[in-house]
N, C-alpha and C. Protein backbone atom coordinates (compact mmCIF):
# COMPACT_ATOMS: atom_id res chain seq x y z
N GLY A 1 -34.43 78.71 -28.30
CA GLY A 1 -34.27 78.92 -28.84
C GLY A 1 -32.72 78.47 -29.39
N LEU A 2 -31.91 78.09 -27.99
CA LEU A 2 -30.62 77.77 -28.06
C LEU A 2 -30.16 76.15 -27.56
N ALA A 3 -30.08 75.00 -28.36
CA ALA A 3 -29.21 74.16 -27.92
C ALA A 3 -29.39 73.65 -26.19
N SER A 4 -30.40 72.92 -26.27
CA SER A 4 -29.80 71.45 -24.95
C SER A 4 -28.75 72.08 -23.94
N ASN A 5 -27.77 71.90 -24.87
CA ASN A 5 -26.52 71.75 -23.40
C ASN A 5 -26.00 73.58 -23.32
N ASN A 6 -26.15 74.22 -24.37
CA ASN A 6 -25.91 75.30 -23.68
C ASN A 6 -27.00 76.03 -22.30
N VAL A 7 -28.01 75.44 -22.79
CA VAL A 7 -29.66 75.92 -21.74
C VAL A 7 -28.90 74.88 -20.43
N SER A 8 -28.35 73.71 -20.42
CA SER A 8 -28.34 73.09 -19.05
C SER A 8 -26.78 73.89 -18.66
N GLN A 9 -25.61 74.57 -19.22
CA GLN A 9 -24.30 75.21 -18.97
C GLN A 9 -25.15 76.56 -18.59
N VAL A 10 -25.94 77.33 -19.11
CA VAL A 10 -26.63 78.13 -18.26
C VAL A 10 -26.88 78.19 -17.26
N HIS A 11 -28.23 77.24 -16.97
CA HIS A 11 -28.52 76.77 -16.22
C HIS A 11 -27.96 76.54 -14.36
N ARG A 12 -26.69 75.87 -14.86
CA ARG A 12 -25.20 74.84 -13.87
C ARG A 12 -24.46 76.39 -13.44
N THR A 13 -24.27 77.33 -14.15
CA THR A 13 -23.81 79.07 -14.24
C THR A 13 -24.65 79.28 -13.25
N ILE A 14 -25.98 79.88 -13.64
CA ILE A 14 -26.75 80.68 -12.61
C ILE A 14 -26.37 79.87 -11.78
N GLY A 15 -27.22 78.84 -11.42
CA GLY A 15 -27.28 77.71 -9.96
C GLY A 15 -26.45 78.21 -9.03
N SER A 16 -25.03 77.62 -9.42
CA SER A 16 -23.90 77.83 -8.78
C SER A 16 -23.33 80.19 -8.31
N MET A 17 -23.96 80.70 -8.46
CA MET A 17 -23.89 82.11 -8.40
C MET A 17 -25.26 82.02 -7.52
N LEU A 18 -25.98 81.79 -7.92
CA LEU A 18 -27.13 81.75 -6.61
C LEU A 18 -27.10 80.77 -5.03
N ASN A 19 -26.62 79.48 -5.76
CA ASN A 19 -25.85 79.56 -4.51
C ASN A 19 -25.19 79.65 -4.44
N VAL A 20 -23.72 80.37 -4.04
CA VAL A 20 -22.93 81.54 -3.66
C VAL A 20 -23.40 82.16 -2.61
N ALA A 21 -24.77 83.52 -3.22
CA ALA A 21 -25.87 83.81 -2.86
C ALA A 21 -26.32 83.73 -1.63
N LYS A 22 -27.12 82.34 -1.31
CA LYS A 22 -27.59 82.04 -1.10
C LYS A 22 -27.10 81.66 -0.10
N ARG A 23 -25.51 81.19 0.34
CA ARG A 23 -25.07 80.92 1.89
C ARG A 23 -24.30 82.20 2.28
N ARG A 24 -24.06 83.38 1.72
CA ARG A 24 -23.72 84.09 1.78
C ARG A 24 -25.60 85.26 2.65
N ARG A 25 -25.52 84.62 2.61
CA ARG A 25 -27.81 85.34 2.74
C ARG A 25 -28.20 86.83 2.37
N LEU A 26 -27.91 86.68 1.23
CA LEU A 26 -27.63 87.36 -0.09
C LEU A 26 -29.29 87.40 -0.54
N ILE A 27 -30.35 86.28 -1.01
CA ILE A 27 -31.34 85.63 -1.28
C ILE A 27 -32.02 84.56 -0.42
N GLY A 28 -33.30 84.51 -1.34
CA GLY A 28 -34.10 83.03 -0.47
C GLY A 28 -34.02 81.79 -1.54
N PRO A 29 -34.80 81.36 -1.50
CA PRO A 29 -34.81 80.22 -2.46
C PRO A 29 -33.80 79.98 -3.75
N VAL A 30 -33.19 79.11 -3.88
CA VAL A 30 -32.62 78.70 -5.08
C VAL A 30 -33.60 78.48 -6.56
N VAL A 31 -34.31 79.37 -7.47
CA VAL A 31 -34.53 79.07 -7.90
C VAL A 31 -34.29 77.81 -9.42
N THR A 32 -33.41 77.81 -9.53
CA THR A 32 -32.35 76.82 -10.40
C THR A 32 -32.57 75.95 -9.90
N GLN A 33 -33.21 75.02 -8.21
CA GLN A 33 -32.89 73.86 -7.80
C GLN A 33 -34.52 73.64 -8.13
N MET A 34 -35.27 74.38 -8.37
CA MET A 34 -36.94 74.53 -8.86
C MET A 34 -36.80 73.66 -10.54
N VAL A 35 -35.93 74.06 -10.85
CA VAL A 35 -36.27 74.07 -12.11
C VAL A 35 -35.82 73.00 -12.38
N GLU A 36 -36.68 71.79 -13.08
CA GLU A 36 -35.40 70.86 -14.06
C GLU A 36 -34.23 70.85 -15.74
N PRO A 37 -33.13 71.79 -15.45
CA PRO A 37 -32.33 71.73 -16.68
C PRO A 37 -32.78 70.63 -17.60
N PRO A 38 -32.56 71.08 -18.63
CA PRO A 38 -33.47 69.71 -20.02
C PRO A 38 -31.78 68.74 -20.57
N ARG A 39 -32.81 68.08 -21.06
CA ARG A 39 -31.89 66.42 -20.78
C ARG A 39 -31.03 67.11 -22.28
N PHE A 40 -29.45 67.34 -22.31
CA PHE A 40 -28.26 66.99 -23.12
C PHE A 40 -28.85 66.18 -24.34
N LYS A 41 -29.24 67.19 -25.45
CA LYS A 41 -29.59 65.37 -26.39
C LYS A 41 -28.37 66.10 -26.92
N LYS A 42 -27.51 64.37 -27.40
CA LYS A 42 -26.77 63.54 -28.46
C LYS A 42 -27.15 64.63 -29.97
N THR A 43 -26.91 65.13 -30.24
CA THR A 43 -26.54 65.61 -31.94
C THR A 43 -26.25 64.72 -32.81
N GLU A 44 -26.46 64.35 -33.90
CA GLU A 44 -26.02 63.55 -35.24
C GLU A 44 -25.15 64.20 -36.02
N THR A 45 -23.90 64.88 -36.32
CA THR A 45 -22.77 65.65 -36.79
C THR A 45 -22.98 64.89 -38.40
N ARG A 46 -23.29 65.60 -39.60
CA ARG A 46 -23.14 65.78 -40.58
C ARG A 46 -21.23 65.33 -41.54
N THR A 47 -20.66 65.24 -41.66
CA THR A 47 -19.90 64.67 -42.85
C THR A 47 -19.72 65.97 -43.90
N PRO A 48 -19.12 66.40 -44.93
CA PRO A 48 -19.30 66.49 -46.35
C PRO A 48 -18.94 65.98 -46.51
N THR A 49 -19.85 65.07 -48.59
CA THR A 49 -18.90 64.93 -49.27
C THR A 49 -18.29 64.42 -49.93
N ILE A 50 -17.75 64.02 -50.38
CA ILE A 50 -16.53 64.49 -51.38
C ILE A 50 -17.09 66.10 -51.75
N GLU A 51 -18.39 65.41 -52.91
CA GLU A 51 -18.07 66.34 -53.95
C GLU A 51 -18.19 67.75 -53.38
N GLU A 52 -19.08 67.69 -51.81
CA GLU A 52 -19.37 68.75 -51.72
C GLU A 52 -17.95 69.63 -50.76
N THR A 53 -16.84 68.68 -49.99
CA THR A 53 -15.09 69.73 -50.04
C THR A 53 -14.96 70.04 -51.50
N ARG A 54 -15.14 69.08 -52.24
CA ARG A 54 -14.43 69.46 -53.45
C ARG A 54 -15.17 71.51 -53.83
N ALA A 55 -16.37 71.22 -53.64
CA ALA A 55 -17.34 72.39 -54.10
C ALA A 55 -16.82 73.39 -53.10
N ILE A 56 -16.31 72.95 -51.60
CA ILE A 56 -15.85 74.28 -50.89
C ILE A 56 -14.42 74.55 -50.98
N LEU A 57 -13.40 73.55 -51.04
CA LEU A 57 -12.56 73.85 -51.37
C LEU A 57 -12.81 74.49 -53.20
N LEU A 58 -12.84 75.22 -53.98
CA LEU A 58 -13.19 75.64 -55.34
C LEU A 58 -13.42 76.55 -54.45
N ALA A 59 -14.96 77.15 -53.40
CA ALA A 59 -14.94 78.14 -52.83
C ALA A 59 -14.39 79.05 -52.55
N ILE A 60 -12.94 78.44 -51.81
CA ILE A 60 -12.45 79.28 -50.69
C ILE A 60 -11.50 79.83 -51.94
N GLN A 61 -10.77 79.58 -53.03
CA GLN A 61 -9.80 79.69 -54.17
C GLN A 61 -9.77 80.78 -53.70
N GLY A 62 -8.00 81.75 -53.42
CA GLY A 62 -7.98 82.79 -53.34
C GLY A 62 -8.14 83.61 -52.42
N HIS A 63 -8.98 83.29 -51.35
CA HIS A 63 -9.73 83.65 -50.34
C HIS A 63 -7.60 84.05 -49.60
N ARG A 64 -8.31 84.88 -48.43
CA ARG A 64 -7.18 85.62 -47.66
C ARG A 64 -6.71 84.54 -46.49
N HIS A 65 -7.80 83.26 -46.08
CA HIS A 65 -7.25 82.08 -45.46
C HIS A 65 -7.65 80.64 -46.01
N GLU A 66 -7.93 80.70 -47.38
CA GLU A 66 -7.86 79.71 -47.97
C GLU A 66 -6.85 78.33 -47.56
N ALA A 67 -5.45 79.01 -47.33
CA ALA A 67 -4.93 77.65 -46.60
C ALA A 67 -4.66 77.73 -45.12
N MET A 68 -5.85 78.00 -44.82
CA MET A 68 -6.44 77.98 -43.01
C MET A 68 -6.98 76.51 -42.91
N TRP A 69 -8.63 77.52 -44.01
CA TRP A 69 -9.36 75.77 -44.35
C TRP A 69 -8.73 74.79 -44.62
N THR A 70 -8.49 75.12 -45.97
CA THR A 70 -7.91 73.86 -46.41
C THR A 70 -7.33 72.72 -45.65
N PHE A 71 -6.75 73.57 -44.35
CA PHE A 71 -5.72 72.42 -43.68
C PHE A 71 -7.00 72.19 -42.78
N MET A 72 -7.79 73.09 -41.99
CA MET A 72 -8.91 72.60 -41.22
C MET A 72 -9.43 71.94 -41.86
N ILE A 73 -10.01 71.72 -43.10
CA ILE A 73 -10.81 70.17 -44.36
C ILE A 73 -9.86 69.61 -44.01
N GLY A 74 -8.68 69.51 -44.52
CA GLY A 74 -7.63 68.10 -44.41
C GLY A 74 -7.18 67.29 -43.54
N THR A 75 -6.96 67.62 -42.46
CA THR A 75 -6.93 67.46 -41.00
C THR A 75 -8.13 67.01 -40.03
N GLY A 76 -9.42 67.61 -40.23
CA GLY A 76 -10.60 67.65 -39.19
C GLY A 76 -9.90 68.54 -37.49
N CYS A 77 -8.65 69.22 -38.34
CA CYS A 77 -8.48 70.23 -36.53
C CYS A 77 -9.67 70.81 -36.52
N ARG A 78 -9.34 71.19 -35.40
CA ARG A 78 -10.66 72.73 -35.20
C ARG A 78 -9.69 74.22 -35.16
N TYR A 79 -10.74 75.22 -35.48
CA TYR A 79 -10.66 76.26 -35.32
C TYR A 79 -9.23 77.32 -34.72
N GLY A 80 -9.60 77.04 -33.59
CA GLY A 80 -8.27 77.01 -32.20
C GLY A 80 -7.03 76.46 -33.22
N GLU A 81 -7.14 75.59 -33.13
CA GLU A 81 -6.10 74.61 -33.25
C GLU A 81 -5.40 74.38 -34.29
N ALA A 82 -6.00 75.04 -35.11
CA ALA A 82 -5.19 76.04 -37.18
C ALA A 82 -4.66 77.53 -36.30
N ALA A 83 -5.21 77.71 -35.52
CA ALA A 83 -4.97 78.95 -35.31
C ALA A 83 -3.52 79.29 -34.20
N GLY A 84 -3.14 77.67 -33.48
CA GLY A 84 -2.59 78.18 -33.08
C GLY A 84 -1.72 77.27 -33.67
N LEU A 85 -1.75 77.29 -34.26
CA LEU A 85 -0.40 76.30 -34.68
C LEU A 85 0.59 76.93 -35.51
N SER A 86 1.50 76.67 -34.89
CA SER A 86 3.54 77.50 -35.54
C SER A 86 3.75 76.29 -36.49
N TRP A 87 4.92 76.72 -37.40
CA TRP A 87 6.02 76.52 -38.06
C TRP A 87 6.31 75.16 -37.35
N PHE A 88 7.05 75.48 -36.29
CA PHE A 88 7.73 74.58 -35.45
C PHE A 88 7.45 73.36 -35.39
N ASN A 89 5.93 72.87 -35.38
CA ASN A 89 5.60 72.13 -35.53
C ASN A 89 5.16 71.31 -36.39
N VAL A 90 4.88 71.65 -37.81
CA VAL A 90 4.78 71.33 -39.03
C VAL A 90 6.30 70.31 -39.52
N ASP A 91 5.97 69.69 -40.18
CA ASP A 91 7.30 69.12 -40.70
C ASP A 91 6.31 68.76 -42.34
N LEU A 92 6.77 69.47 -43.33
CA LEU A 92 5.98 69.16 -44.25
C LEU A 92 7.01 68.24 -45.45
N ASP A 93 7.68 67.88 -44.84
CA ASP A 93 8.31 67.08 -45.46
C ASP A 93 7.94 65.36 -45.28
N LYS A 94 7.44 65.18 -43.82
CA LYS A 94 6.54 64.33 -43.53
C LYS A 94 5.79 63.92 -43.58
N ALA A 95 5.25 65.15 -43.74
CA ALA A 95 3.53 65.67 -44.06
C ALA A 95 3.27 65.37 -42.47
N THR A 96 3.08 65.93 -41.60
CA THR A 96 2.73 65.78 -40.36
C THR A 96 2.02 66.54 -39.86
N ALA A 97 1.73 67.28 -38.78
CA ALA A 97 1.92 68.45 -37.94
C ALA A 97 1.12 67.87 -36.85
N PHE A 98 1.86 68.79 -35.65
CA PHE A 98 1.84 68.54 -33.86
C PHE A 98 1.06 69.30 -33.41
N ILE A 99 -0.59 69.11 -33.08
CA ILE A 99 -1.23 70.22 -32.82
C ILE A 99 -0.80 69.61 -30.97
N CYS A 100 -0.82 71.05 -30.46
CA CYS A 100 -0.10 70.82 -28.89
C CYS A 100 -0.35 72.06 -27.99
N GLN A 101 -1.22 73.20 -29.03
CA GLN A 101 -1.66 74.29 -28.74
C GLN A 101 -2.43 74.90 -29.46
N GLN A 102 -3.03 75.85 -28.74
CA GLN A 102 -4.79 76.33 -29.48
C GLN A 102 -4.26 78.60 -29.77
N ALA A 103 -5.89 78.78 -30.20
CA ALA A 103 -5.96 79.75 -30.34
C ALA A 103 -7.15 80.43 -29.33
N VAL A 104 -7.05 80.90 -27.67
CA VAL A 104 -8.33 81.30 -27.33
C VAL A 104 -8.49 82.23 -27.04
N ARG A 105 -10.14 82.45 -27.02
CA ARG A 105 -10.29 83.93 -26.54
C ARG A 105 -10.71 84.18 -25.30
N THR A 106 -9.87 85.12 -24.68
CA THR A 106 -10.06 85.99 -23.51
C THR A 106 -9.73 87.78 -23.12
N ARG A 107 -10.62 87.79 -21.82
CA ARG A 107 -10.97 89.15 -21.76
C ARG A 107 -9.76 89.30 -21.02
N ILE A 108 -9.03 90.67 -21.62
CA ILE A 108 -8.96 91.86 -21.35
C ILE A 108 -8.86 92.45 -19.47
N ARG A 109 -7.75 91.91 -19.07
CA ARG A 109 -8.24 92.55 -16.88
C ARG A 109 -7.14 93.93 -17.41
N ASP A 110 -8.04 94.58 -15.97
CA ASP A 110 -6.99 95.91 -15.74
C ASP A 110 -7.23 95.46 -14.52
N GLY A 111 -5.80 94.48 -13.54
CA GLY A 111 -5.95 94.71 -12.28
C GLY A 111 -7.31 93.64 -12.08
N GLU A 112 -8.47 93.77 -11.39
CA GLU A 112 -8.36 92.89 -10.86
C GLU A 112 -10.26 93.23 -12.09
N THR A 113 -10.34 93.67 -13.06
CA THR A 113 -11.43 94.72 -13.44
C THR A 113 -10.83 94.04 -15.02
N THR A 114 -12.87 93.38 -15.15
CA THR A 114 -12.36 93.09 -16.41
C THR A 114 -12.69 93.75 -17.31
N LEU A 115 -12.21 94.61 -18.66
CA LEU A 115 -12.03 95.30 -19.77
C LEU A 115 -13.33 94.67 -20.72
N GLY A 116 -13.81 95.72 -21.61
CA GLY A 116 -15.29 94.98 -22.18
C GLY A 116 -14.73 94.33 -23.25
N LYS A 117 -13.11 94.92 -23.60
CA LYS A 117 -12.56 93.74 -24.58
C LYS A 117 -11.73 92.40 -24.81
N GLU A 118 -11.86 91.77 -26.12
CA GLU A 118 -11.23 90.73 -25.92
C GLU A 118 -10.11 90.57 -26.99
N ARG A 119 -9.06 89.54 -26.77
CA ARG A 119 -7.59 88.84 -27.37
C ARG A 119 -8.18 87.75 -27.55
N MET A 120 -7.03 87.02 -28.17
CA MET A 120 -6.40 85.74 -28.89
C MET A 120 -5.15 85.62 -28.07
N VAL A 121 -4.75 84.81 -27.36
CA VAL A 121 -3.85 84.25 -27.12
C VAL A 121 -3.18 82.93 -26.98
N LEU A 122 -2.03 82.58 -27.31
CA LEU A 122 -1.61 80.56 -27.38
C LEU A 122 -1.89 79.98 -25.87
N ALA A 123 -2.06 78.95 -26.17
CA ALA A 123 -2.68 78.22 -24.87
C ALA A 123 -2.47 76.89 -25.17
N PRO A 124 -1.63 75.85 -24.14
CA PRO A 124 -1.69 74.52 -24.38
C PRO A 124 -3.65 73.69 -24.41
N VAL A 125 -4.15 72.75 -25.53
CA VAL A 125 -4.91 72.14 -25.95
C VAL A 125 -5.17 72.03 -24.44
N LYS A 126 -6.72 71.41 -24.10
CA LYS A 126 -7.26 71.24 -22.70
C LYS A 126 -7.17 69.63 -22.22
N THR A 127 -6.94 69.18 -23.47
CA THR A 127 -6.78 67.24 -22.68
C THR A 127 -5.47 66.78 -23.29
N ASP A 128 -4.59 66.17 -22.39
CA ASP A 128 -3.74 65.35 -23.58
C ASP A 128 -4.20 64.18 -24.22
N ALA A 129 -5.37 64.21 -24.96
CA ALA A 129 -5.36 63.61 -25.70
C ALA A 129 -6.22 64.14 -27.31
N GLY A 130 -6.24 65.73 -26.65
CA GLY A 130 -5.70 66.75 -27.62
C GLY A 130 -4.49 67.07 -28.40
N GLN A 131 -3.93 66.54 -27.48
CA GLN A 131 -2.22 66.59 -28.59
C GLN A 131 -2.47 65.35 -29.16
N ARG A 132 -1.76 65.37 -30.33
CA ARG A 132 -1.38 64.52 -30.98
C ARG A 132 -1.17 65.54 -32.21
N LYS A 133 -0.47 64.39 -32.81
CA LYS A 133 -0.15 64.75 -34.30
C LYS A 133 -0.97 64.22 -35.83
N VAL A 134 -0.85 65.20 -36.85
CA VAL A 134 -2.32 64.75 -38.04
C VAL A 134 -1.23 64.72 -38.96
N SER A 135 -1.89 63.79 -40.11
CA SER A 135 -0.94 63.45 -41.18
C SER A 135 -2.34 64.44 -42.27
N LEU A 136 -1.02 65.52 -43.24
CA LEU A 136 -1.22 66.20 -43.87
C LEU A 136 -1.54 65.30 -45.33
N PRO A 137 -2.53 65.72 -46.20
CA PRO A 137 -2.74 65.02 -47.52
C PRO A 137 -2.12 66.19 -47.95
N PRO A 138 -2.07 65.77 -49.13
CA PRO A 138 -0.79 66.13 -50.57
C PRO A 138 -1.05 67.71 -50.71
N PHE A 139 -2.62 67.65 -50.86
CA PHE A 139 -2.86 68.89 -51.10
C PHE A 139 -3.31 70.15 -50.02
N VAL A 140 -2.84 69.94 -48.44
CA VAL A 140 -2.55 70.22 -47.32
C VAL A 140 -1.32 70.80 -47.58
N VAL A 141 -0.22 70.00 -47.44
CA VAL A 141 0.58 70.60 -47.52
C VAL A 141 1.37 72.11 -48.73
N ALA A 142 0.62 71.11 -49.82
CA ALA A 142 1.06 72.61 -50.88
C ALA A 142 0.11 73.34 -50.47
N ALA A 143 -0.62 73.37 -49.99
CA ALA A 143 -1.38 74.66 -49.12
C ALA A 143 -0.35 75.99 -48.11
N LEU A 144 -0.23 74.95 -47.23
CA LEU A 144 1.15 75.10 -46.15
C LEU A 144 2.61 75.99 -47.12
N ARG A 145 2.92 74.72 -48.35
CA ARG A 145 3.88 75.38 -48.42
C ARG A 145 3.89 76.77 -49.56
N LYS A 146 2.29 77.29 -50.00
CA LYS A 146 2.01 79.19 -50.61
C LYS A 146 1.54 80.01 -49.14
N GLN A 147 1.38 79.14 -47.45
CA GLN A 147 1.16 79.58 -47.64
C GLN A 147 2.91 80.42 -46.83
N HIS A 148 3.54 79.58 -46.32
CA HIS A 148 5.05 80.08 -45.75
C HIS A 148 5.25 81.40 -47.04
N ILE A 149 4.67 81.51 -48.02
CA ILE A 149 5.35 82.51 -48.87
C ILE A 149 4.84 83.79 -48.27
N ALA A 150 3.32 83.55 -48.74
CA ALA A 150 2.79 84.29 -48.49
C ALA A 150 2.71 85.38 -46.62
N ILE A 151 2.89 84.31 -45.87
CA ILE A 151 3.61 85.07 -44.25
C ILE A 151 5.02 85.99 -44.76
N ALA A 152 5.81 85.54 -45.45
CA ALA A 152 7.26 86.13 -45.80
C ALA A 152 6.14 87.91 -46.43
N THR A 153 6.03 87.13 -47.40
CA THR A 153 4.95 88.81 -47.82
C THR A 153 4.53 89.35 -46.86
N MET A 154 3.80 89.15 -46.23
CA MET A 154 3.07 90.08 -44.54
C MET A 154 4.06 90.54 -43.97
N ARG A 155 5.55 90.00 -43.13
CA ARG A 155 6.08 90.23 -42.42
C ARG A 155 7.14 91.31 -43.53
N LEU A 156 6.93 91.42 -44.33
CA LEU A 156 7.60 92.85 -45.11
C LEU A 156 6.69 93.82 -45.23
N ALA A 157 5.49 93.38 -45.88
CA ALA A 157 4.61 94.56 -45.69
C ALA A 157 4.17 95.69 -43.98
N SER A 158 4.49 95.19 -43.32
CA SER A 158 3.78 95.09 -41.74
C SER A 158 4.97 95.53 -41.16
N GLY A 159 6.66 95.86 -40.66
CA GLY A 159 7.49 95.95 -40.76
C GLY A 159 7.42 95.62 -39.63
N PRO A 160 8.19 96.70 -38.54
CA PRO A 160 8.13 96.32 -37.41
C PRO A 160 6.78 96.45 -36.12
N ARG A 161 5.87 96.87 -36.53
CA ARG A 161 4.87 95.96 -36.40
C ARG A 161 3.81 94.52 -36.13
N TRP A 162 4.71 94.00 -36.91
CA TRP A 162 4.95 91.96 -36.81
C TRP A 162 4.80 91.51 -35.93
N ARG A 163 4.31 90.29 -35.58
CA ARG A 163 4.25 89.93 -34.06
C ARG A 163 5.10 88.83 -34.40
N ASP A 164 6.14 88.24 -34.28
CA ASP A 164 7.02 87.35 -34.93
C ASP A 164 6.53 85.62 -33.45
N LEU A 165 5.10 85.23 -33.70
CA LEU A 165 4.87 84.20 -33.31
C LEU A 165 5.00 83.02 -33.74
N ASP A 166 5.60 82.75 -35.09
CA ASP A 166 5.62 81.97 -35.50
C ASP A 166 4.54 81.25 -36.13
N LEU A 167 3.48 81.49 -35.80
CA LEU A 167 2.11 81.03 -37.10
C LEU A 167 2.38 80.62 -37.95
N CYS A 168 1.44 79.54 -38.67
CA CYS A 168 1.19 78.66 -39.45
C CYS A 168 0.29 79.63 -40.28
N PHE A 169 -0.50 80.46 -39.27
CA PHE A 169 -1.56 80.93 -39.65
C PHE A 169 -2.54 82.31 -38.71
N PRO A 170 -1.11 83.21 -39.14
CA PRO A 170 -1.32 84.85 -38.17
C PRO A 170 -2.39 85.60 -38.81
N SER A 171 -2.66 86.60 -37.78
CA SER A 171 -3.47 87.93 -38.71
C SER A 171 -2.54 88.60 -39.57
N HIS A 172 -2.74 89.19 -40.51
CA HIS A 172 -1.68 90.33 -41.07
C HIS A 172 -0.72 91.28 -40.47
N LEU A 173 -0.87 90.56 -39.11
CA LEU A 173 0.55 91.70 -38.52
C LEU A 173 0.99 89.84 -37.23
N GLY A 174 0.92 89.27 -37.78
CA GLY A 174 1.67 87.96 -36.86
C GLY A 174 0.50 87.65 -35.48
N ALA A 175 0.07 88.16 -35.10
CA ALA A 175 -0.67 88.17 -33.73
C ALA A 175 -1.99 86.58 -34.84
N PRO A 176 -2.22 85.57 -33.04
CA PRO A 176 -3.74 85.16 -33.85
C PRO A 176 -4.45 85.19 -34.36
N LEU A 177 -5.06 84.84 -34.98
CA LEU A 177 -6.28 85.65 -35.86
C LEU A 177 -7.68 85.37 -34.81
N THR A 178 -8.12 86.42 -34.90
CA THR A 178 -9.38 86.59 -33.89
C THR A 178 -11.09 85.66 -34.71
N GLY A 179 -11.23 85.04 -35.64
CA GLY A 179 -11.90 84.51 -35.55
C GLY A 179 -13.15 84.56 -36.33
N SER A 180 -13.25 86.07 -35.71
CA SER A 180 -14.51 87.23 -35.64
C SER A 180 -14.21 88.52 -37.62
């Protein structure tokens, strides 16, 4: 039931681990070398129509994350890019935002041990091409202006627990959103 790209990634990862185990003489033949991974199938993405986009914008009105979804719809940015966007990189007067960091999920480590918990951290976008300036349509600028006021209210409500990371779309305590 997985996409061919996901299966190929799993095949490569397991194959790499098994190759290390074989070099260390822990196992015999590497079974992933006996099986062809599926070929990557490029899937065609479908952009919502104007009517569908209007319906989505109407459906999210009043939701706590309305401004973030509006930003993503209006700019085409990914979730992590939106979750990592800081006010420092937004110019509402020029209707632009500079995408240079993202929120990414990472496992919490205790020394060399990886604990079962995860958290979101801010990191640079993966590639130079990922760093870019995006134009903000008027409806996105309006949503961001409302979001700025909403954040001030959240900051007051959370008091000393607030983490001031200057995020446009923070959690209720100022941290990056988890996406779940």
